[in-house]
Amino acid sequence: MKRLLGFIYGVIAYAGFMGWMVYMVGFLGHFAVPKSVDSGSVGPVGIAVLVNFLMILIFGVQHTLMARPAFKQW
């Protein structure tokens, strides 16, 4: 029974992943999906660069702090 449930779970996980991949192909290729990568509104470049910079900064700070031995011990 455990083996059958594991197999069913694997099939469902694989099907979900393949569905996501097909959607991403459509999203990036501009077909068969309701919204594509280029269908959003265009905003100021300066704000986009600032937001991207802040997101990278937050990611870097978080991972730098998490790599410290004190954090790992905590």
PDB file of N, CA and C in Angstrom:
ATOM      1  N   MET A   1       0.826  -1.195   0.000  1.00  0.00           N
ATOM      2  CA  MET A   1       0.000   0.000   0.000  1.00  0.00           C
ATOM      3  C   MET A   1       0.871   1.260   0.000  1.00  0.00           C
ATOM      4  N   LYS A   2       1.939   1.263   0.831  1.00  0.00           N
ATOM      5  CA  LYS A   2       2.835   2.426   0.873  1.00  0.00           C
ATOM      6  C   LYS A   2       3.480   2.664  -0.485  1.00  0.00           C
ATOM      7  N   ARG A   3       3.843   1.572  -1.128  1.00  0.00           N
ATOM      8  CA  ARG A   3       4.502   1.676  -2.433  1.00  0.00           C
ATOM      9  C   ARG A   3       3.559   2.292  -3.469  1.00  0.00           C
ATOM     10  N   LEU A   4       2.299   1.872  -3.442  1.00  0.00           N
ATOM     11  CA  LEU A   4       1.306   2.402  -4.380  1.00  0.00           C
ATOM     12  C   LEU A   4       1.054   3.887  -4.115  1.00  0.00           C
ATOM     13  N   LEU A   5       0.933   4.264  -2.848  1.00  0.00           N
ATOM     14  CA  LEU A   5       0.726   5.678  -2.519  1.00  0.00           C
ATOM     15  C   LEU A   5       1.935   6.520  -2.934  1.00  0.00           C
ATOM     16  N   GLY A   6       3.128   5.989  -2.739  1.00  0.00           N
ATOM     17  CA  GLY A   6       4.337   6.698  -3.177  1.00  0.00           C
ATOM     18  C   GLY A   6       4.357   6.887  -4.684  1.00  0.00           C
ATOM     19  N   PHE A   7       3.942   5.855  -5.414  1.00  0.00           N
ATOM     20  CA  PHE A   7       3.889   5.952  -6.868  1.00  0.00           C
ATOM     21  C   PHE A   7       2.865   6.986  -7.317  1.00  0.00           C
ATOM     22  N   ILE A   8       1.681   6.962  -6.706  1.00  0.00           N
ATOM     23  CA  ILE A   8       0.632   7.928  -7.051  1.00  0.00           C
ATOM     24  C   ILE A   8       1.099   9.350  -6.750  1.00  0.00           C
ATOM     25  N   TYR A   9       1.740   9.531  -5.607  1.00  0.00           N
ATOM     26  CA  TYR A   9       2.270  10.852  -5.261  1.00  0.00           C
ATOM     27  C   TYR A   9       3.301  11.302  -6.296  1.00  0.00           C
ATOM     28  N   GLY A  10       4.175  10.399  -6.699  1.00  0.00           N
ATOM     29  CA  GLY A  10       5.180  10.725  -7.709  1.00  0.00           C
ATOM     30  C   GLY A  10       4.560  11.126  -9.033  1.00  0.00           C
ATOM     31  N   VAL A  11       3.518  10.397  -9.454  1.00  0.00           N
ATOM     32  CA  VAL A  11       2.840  10.720 -10.714  1.00  0.00           C
ATOM     33  C   VAL A  11       2.184  12.101 -10.622  1.00  0.00           C
ATOM     34  N   ILE A  12       1.526  12.386  -9.508  1.00  0.00           N
ATOM     35  CA  ILE A  12       0.874  13.695  -9.335  1.00  0.00           C
ATOM     36  C   ILE A  12       1.913  14.815  -9.309  1.00  0.00           C
ATOM     37  N   ALA A  13       3.033  14.606  -8.593  1.00  0.00           N
ATOM     38  CA  ALA A  13       4.082  15.623  -8.533  1.00  0.00           C
ATOM     39  C   ALA A  13       4.686  15.850  -9.921  1.00  0.00           C
ATOM     40  N   TYR A  14       4.922  14.777 -10.668  1.00  0.00           N
ATOM     41  CA  TYR A  14       5.484  14.899 -12.011  1.00  0.00           C
ATOM     42  C   TYR A  14       4.518  15.631 -12.936  1.00  0.00           C
ATOM     43  N   ALA A  15       3.234  15.282 -12.855  1.00  0.00           N
ATOM     44  CA  ALA A  15       2.233  15.939 -13.700  1.00  0.00           C
ATOM     45  C   ALA A  15       2.124  17.428 -13.357  1.00  0.00           C
ATOM     46  N   GLY A  16       2.174  17.752 -12.071  1.00  0.00           N
ATOM     47  CA  GLY A  16       2.138  19.156 -11.672  1.00  0.00           C
ATOM     48  C   GLY A  16       3.344  19.921 -12.191  1.00  0.00           C
ATOM     49  N   PHE A  17       4.513  19.316 -12.093  1.00  0.00           N
ATOM     50  CA  PHE A  17       5.720  19.969 -12.591  1.00  0.00           C
ATOM     51  C   PHE A  17       5.647  20.161 -14.104  1.00  0.00           C
ATOM     52  N   MET A  18       5.194  19.145 -14.821  1.00  0.00           N
ATOM     53  CA  MET A  18       5.098  19.269 -16.272  1.00  0.00           C
ATOM     54  C   MET A  18       4.069  20.327 -16.671  1.00  0.00           C
ATOM     55  N   GLY A  19       2.956  20.406 -15.938  1.00  0.00           N
ATOM     56  CA  GLY A  19       1.974  21.458 -16.211  1.00  0.00           C
ATOM     57  C   GLY A  19       2.573  22.837 -16.003  1.00  0.00           C
ATOM     58  N   TRP A  20       3.351  22.987 -14.935  1.00  0.00           N
ATOM     59  CA  TRP A  20       4.005  24.263 -14.666  1.00  0.00           C
ATOM     60  C   TRP A  20       5.003  24.601 -15.773  1.00  0.00           C
ATOM     61  N   MET A  21       5.760  23.607 -16.228  1.00  0.00           N
ATOM     62  CA  MET A  21       6.741  23.854 -17.291  1.00  0.00           C
ATOM     63  C   MET A  21       6.062  24.256 -18.598  1.00  0.00           C
ATOM     64  N   VAL A  22       4.967  23.602 -18.938  1.00  0.00           N
ATOM     65  CA  VAL A  22       4.238  23.953 -20.156  1.00  0.00           C
ATOM     66  C   VAL A  22       3.700  25.374 -20.050  1.00  0.00           C
ATOM     67  N   TYR A  23       3.185  25.739 -18.882  1.00  0.00           N
ATOM     68  CA  TYR A  23       2.695  27.099 -18.684  1.00  0.00           C
ATOM     69  C   TYR A  23       3.840  28.106 -18.829  1.00  0.00           C
ATOM     70  N   MET A  24       5.008  27.791 -18.278  1.00  0.00           N
ATOM     71  CA  MET A  24       6.144  28.712 -18.375  1.00  0.00           C
ATOM     72  C   MET A  24       6.602  28.887 -19.816  1.00  0.00           C
ATOM     73  N   VAL A  25       6.553  27.826 -20.611  1.00  0.00           N
ATOM     74  CA  VAL A  25       6.899  27.943 -22.030  1.00  0.00           C
ATOM     75  C   VAL A  25       5.921  28.901 -22.705  1.00  0.00           C
ATOM     76  N   GLY A  26       4.638  28.752 -22.421  1.00  0.00           N
ATOM     77  CA  GLY A  26       3.646  29.663 -22.976  1.00  0.00           C
ATOM     78  C   GLY A  26       3.819  31.081 -22.467  1.00  0.00           C
ATOM     79  N   PHE A  27       4.152  31.236 -21.196  1.00  0.00           N
ATOM     80  CA  PHE A  27       4.350  32.555 -20.604  1.00  0.00           C
ATOM     81  C   PHE A  27       5.522  33.271 -21.258  1.00  0.00           C
ATOM     82  N   LEU A  28       6.606  32.554 -21.479  1.00  0.00           N
ATOM     83  CA  LEU A  28       7.785  33.169 -22.085  1.00  0.00           C
ATOM     84  C   LEU A  28       7.674  33.277 -23.598  1.00  0.00           C
ATOM     85  N   GLY A  29       6.893  32.386 -24.218  1.00  0.00           N
ATOM     86  CA  GLY A  29       6.767  32.393 -25.666  1.00  0.00           C
ATOM     87  C   GLY A  29       5.566  33.155 -26.191  1.00  0.00           C
ATOM     88  N   HIS A  30       4.769  33.730 -25.325  1.00  0.00           N
ATOM     89  CA  HIS A  30       3.625  34.571 -25.691  1.00  0.00           C
ATOM     90  C   HIS A  30       2.525  33.804 -26.417  1.00  0.00           C
ATOM     91  N   PHE A  31       2.197  32.576 -25.979  1.00  0.00           N
ATOM     92  CA  PHE A  31       1.078  31.859 -26.589  1.00  0.00           C
ATOM     93  C   PHE A  31       0.388  30.939 -25.585  1.00  0.00           C
ATOM     94  N   ALA A  32      -0.908  30.754 -25.784  1.00  0.00           N
ATOM     95  CA  ALA A  32      -1.755  29.805 -25.064  1.00  0.00           C
ATOM     96  C   ALA A  32      -1.890  30.070 -23.561  1.00  0.00           C
ATOM     97  N   VAL A  33      -1.543  31.255 -23.097  1.00  0.00           N
ATOM     98  CA  VAL A  33      -1.743  31.613 -21.688  1.00  0.00           C
ATOM     99  C   VAL A  33      -2.364  33.002 -21.633  1.00  0.00           C
ATOM    100  N   PRO A  34      -3.129  33.305 -20.578  1.00  0.00           N
ATOM    101  CA  PRO A  34      -3.816  34.603 -20.528  1.00  0.00           C
ATOM    102  C   PRO A  34      -2.883  35.800 -20.336  1.00  0.00           C
ATOM    103  N   LYS A  35      -1.711  35.593 -19.757  1.00  0.00           N
ATOM    104  CA  LYS A  35      -0.787  36.707 -19.505  1.00  0.00           C
ATOM    105  C   LYS A  35       0.618  36.233 -19.825  1.00  0.00           C
ATOM    106  N   SER A  36       1.361  37.046 -20.585  1.00  0.00           N
ATOM    107  CA  SER A  36       2.724  36.665 -20.940  1.00  0.00           C
ATOM    108  C   SER A  36       3.714  37.618 -20.281  1.00  0.00           C
ATOM    109  N   VAL A  37       4.980  37.339 -20.483  1.00  0.00           N
ATOM    110  CA  VAL A  37       6.028  38.095 -19.817  1.00  0.00           C
ATOM    111  C   VAL A  37       6.038  39.572 -20.247  1.00  0.00           C
ATOM    112  N   ASP A  38       5.598  39.851 -21.457  1.00  0.00           N
ATOM    113  CA  ASP A  38       5.623  41.219 -21.957  1.00  0.00           C
ATOM    114  C   ASP A  38       4.273  41.922 -21.890  1.00  0.00           C
ATOM    115  N   SER A  39       3.295  41.340 -21.212  1.00  0.00           N
ATOM    116  CA  SER A  39       1.966  41.946 -21.215  1.00  0.00           C
ATOM    117  C   SER A  39       1.719  42.877 -20.031  1.00  0.00           C
ATOM    118  N   GLY A  40       2.704  43.080 -19.183  1.00  0.00           N
ATOM    119  CA  GLY A  40       2.536  43.956 -18.033  1.00  0.00           C
ATOM    120  C   GLY A  40       2.669  45.419 -18.412  1.00  0.00           C
ATOM    121  N   SER A  41       2.379  46.277 -17.461  1.00  0.00           N
ATOM    122  CA  SER A  41       2.507  47.707 -17.726  1.00  0.00           C
ATOM    123  C   SER A  41       3.975  48.129 -17.627  1.00  0.00           C
ATOM    124  N   VAL A  42       4.319  49.152 -18.360  1.00  0.00           N
ATOM    125  CA  VAL A  42       5.688  49.654 -18.377  1.00  0.00           C
ATOM    126  C   VAL A  42       5.783  50.819 -17.398  1.00  0.00           C
ATOM    127  N   GLY A  43       6.807  50.792 -16.551  1.00  0.00           N
ATOM    128  CA  GLY A  43       7.005  51.850 -15.570  1.00  0.00           C
ATOM    129  C   GLY A  43       8.355  52.500 -15.754  1.00  0.00           C
ATOM    130  N   PRO A  44       8.684  53.434 -14.885  1.00  0.00           N
ATOM    131  CA  PRO A  44       9.972  54.116 -14.986  1.00  0.00           C
ATOM    132  C   PRO A  44      11.142  53.148 -14.732  1.00  0.00           C
ATOM    133  N   VAL A  45      12.189  53.304 -15.521  1.00  0.00           N
ATOM    134  CA  VAL A  45      13.352  52.422 -15.414  1.00  0.00           C
ATOM    135  C   VAL A  45      14.058  52.624 -14.076  1.00  0.00           C
ATOM    136  N   GLY A  46      14.142  53.848 -13.607  1.00  0.00           N
ATOM    137  CA  GLY A  46      14.837  54.124 -12.355  1.00  0.00           C
ATOM    138  C   GLY A  46      14.232  53.392 -11.167  1.00  0.00           C
ATOM    139  N   ILE A  47      12.915  53.369 -11.096  1.00  0.00           N
ATOM    140  CA  ILE A  47      12.240  52.672  -9.995  1.00  0.00           C
ATOM    141  C   ILE A  47      12.472  51.171 -10.118  1.00  0.00           C
ATOM    142  N   ALA A  48      12.422  50.638 -11.341  1.00  0.00           N
ATOM    143  CA  ALA A  48      12.663  49.208 -11.545  1.00  0.00           C
ATOM    144  C   ALA A  48      14.069  48.823 -11.116  1.00  0.00           C
ATOM    145  N   VAL A  49      15.044  49.639 -11.467  1.00  0.00           N
ATOM    146  CA  VAL A  49      16.429  49.358 -11.072  1.00  0.00           C
ATOM    147  C   VAL A  49      16.573  49.435  -9.557  1.00  0.00           C
ATOM    148  N   LEU A  50      15.956  50.427  -8.933  1.00  0.00           N
ATOM    149  CA  LEU A  50      16.021  50.562  -7.479  1.00  0.00           C
ATOM    150  C   LEU A  50      15.390  49.364  -6.777  1.00  0.00           C
ATOM    151  N   VAL A  51      14.227  48.931  -7.229  1.00  0.00           N
ATOM    152  CA  VAL A  51      13.553  47.781  -6.628  1.00  0.00           C
ATOM    153  C   VAL A  51      14.405  46.524  -6.800  1.00  0.00           C
ATOM    154  N   ASN A  52      14.949  46.310  -7.989  1.00  0.00           N
ATOM    155  CA  ASN A  52      15.805  45.146  -8.214  1.00  0.00           C
ATOM    156  C   ASN A  52      17.035  45.191  -7.316  1.00  0.00           C
ATOM    157  N   PHE A  53      17.645  46.352  -7.187  1.00  0.00           N
ATOM    158  CA  PHE A  53      18.824  46.494  -6.328  1.00  0.00           C
ATOM    159  C   PHE A  53      18.478  46.182  -4.876  1.00  0.00           C
ATOM    160  N   LEU A  54      17.365  46.710  -4.393  1.00  0.00           N
ATOM    161  CA  LEU A  54      16.966  46.464  -3.008  1.00  0.00           C
ATOM    162  C   LEU A  54      16.651  44.985  -2.762  1.00  0.00           C
ATOM    163  N   MET A  55      16.033  44.326  -3.717  1.00  0.00           N
ATOM    164  CA  MET A  55      15.735  42.909  -3.556  1.00  0.00           C
ATOM    165  C   MET A  55      17.021  42.085  -3.501  1.00  0.00           C
ATOM    166  N   ILE A  56      17.985  42.396  -4.362  1.00  0.00           N
ATOM    167  CA  ILE A  56      19.269  41.694  -4.336  1.00  0.00           C
ATOM    168  C   ILE A  56      19.996  41.986  -3.035  1.00  0.00           C
ATOM    169  N   LEU A  57      19.934  43.225  -2.553  1.00  0.00           N
ATOM    170  CA  LEU A  57      20.581  43.597  -1.297  1.00  0.00           C
ATOM    171  C   LEU A  57      19.976  42.828  -0.123  1.00  0.00           C
ATOM    172  N   ILE A  58      18.655  42.766  -0.061  1.00  0.00           N
ATOM    173  CA  ILE A  58      17.992  42.033   1.024  1.00  0.00           C
ATOM    174  C   ILE A  58      18.356  40.553   0.970  1.00  0.00           C
ATOM    175  N   PHE A  59      18.358  39.980  -0.221  1.00  0.00           N
ATOM    176  CA  PHE A  59      18.737  38.576  -0.384  1.00  0.00           C
ATOM    177  C   PHE A  59      20.167  38.344   0.095  1.00  0.00           C
ATOM    178  N   GLY A  60      21.077  39.235  -0.300  1.00  0.00           N
ATOM    179  CA  GLY A  60      22.479  39.099   0.095  1.00  0.00           C
ATOM    180  C   GLY A  60      22.686  39.247   1.586  1.00  0.00           C
ATOM    181  N   VAL A  61      22.031  40.219   2.186  1.00  0.00           N
ATOM    182  CA  VAL A  61      22.171  40.425   3.635  1.00  0.00           C
ATOM    183  C   VAL A  61      21.617  39.223   4.399  1.00  0.00           C
ATOM    184  N   GLN A  62      20.468  38.742   3.987  1.00  0.00           N
ATOM    185  CA  GLN A  62      19.864  37.594   4.666  1.00  0.00           C
ATOM    186  C   GLN A  62      20.792  36.393   4.605  1.00  0.00           C
ATOM    187  N   HIS A  63      21.314  36.089   3.431  1.00  0.00           N
ATOM    188  CA  HIS A  63      22.156  34.913   3.303  1.00  0.00           C
ATOM    189  C   HIS A  63      23.528  35.108   3.937  1.00  0.00           C
ATOM    190  N   THR A  64      24.003  36.327   4.000  1.00  0.00           N
ATOM    191  CA  THR A  64      25.264  36.577   4.694  1.00  0.00           C
ATOM    192  C   THR A  64      25.086  36.346   6.190  1.00  0.00           C
ATOM    193  N   LEU A  65      23.994  36.830   6.751  1.00  0.00           N
ATOM    194  CA  LEU A  65      23.744  36.635   8.181  1.00  0.00           C
ATOM    195  C   LEU A  65      23.482  35.169   8.505  1.00  0.00           C
ATOM    196  N   MET A  66      22.784  34.487   7.649  1.00  0.00           N
ATOM    197  CA  MET A  66      22.455  33.086   7.917  1.00  0.00           C
ATOM    198  C   MET A  66      23.677  32.180   7.805  1.00  0.00           C
ATOM    199  N   ALA A  67      24.731  32.634   7.125  1.00  0.00           N
ATOM    200  CA  ALA A  67      25.935  31.823   6.975  1.00  0.00           C
ATOM    201  C   ALA A  67      26.844  31.918   8.191  1.00  0.00           C
ATOM    202  N   ARG A  68      26.590  32.829   9.094  1.00  0.00           N
ATOM    203  CA  ARG A  68      27.436  33.016  10.280  1.00  0.00           C
ATOM    204  C   ARG A  68      27.240  31.875  11.271  1.00  0.00           C
ATOM    205  N   PRO A  69      28.314  31.464  11.937  1.00  0.00           N
ATOM    206  CA  PRO A  69      28.217  30.390  12.909  1.00  0.00           C
ATOM    207  C   PRO A  69      27.234  30.681  14.048  1.00  0.00           C
ATOM    208  N   ALA A  70      27.146  31.931  14.475  1.00  0.00           N
ATOM    209  CA  ALA A  70      26.228  32.264  15.563  1.00  0.00           C
ATOM    210  C   ALA A  70      24.783  32.002  15.151  1.00  0.00           C
ATOM    211  N   PHE A  71      24.441  32.329  13.922  1.00  0.00           N
ATOM    212  CA  PHE A  71      23.072  32.079  13.446  1.00  0.00           C
ATOM    213  C   PHE A  71      22.810  30.588  13.346  1.00  0.00           C
ATOM    214  N   LYS A  72      23.784  29.848  12.823  1.00  0.00           N
ATOM    215  CA  LYS A  72      23.618  28.405  12.681  1.00  0.00           C
ATOM    216  C   LYS A  72      23.459  27.734  14.035  1.00  0.00           C
ATOM    217  N   GLN A  73      24.180  28.239  15.036  1.00  0.00           N
ATOM    218  CA  GLN A  73      24.079  27.659  16.376  1.00  0.00           C
ATOM    219  C   GLN A  73      22.717  27.985  16.985  1.00  0.00           C
ATOM    220  N   TRP A  74      22.225  29.189  16.738  1.00  0.00           N
ATOM    221  CA  TRP A  74      20.946  29.636  17.277  1.00  0.00           C
ATOM    222  C   TRP A  74      19.841  28.805  16.686  1.00  0.00           C
TER     223      TRP A  74
END
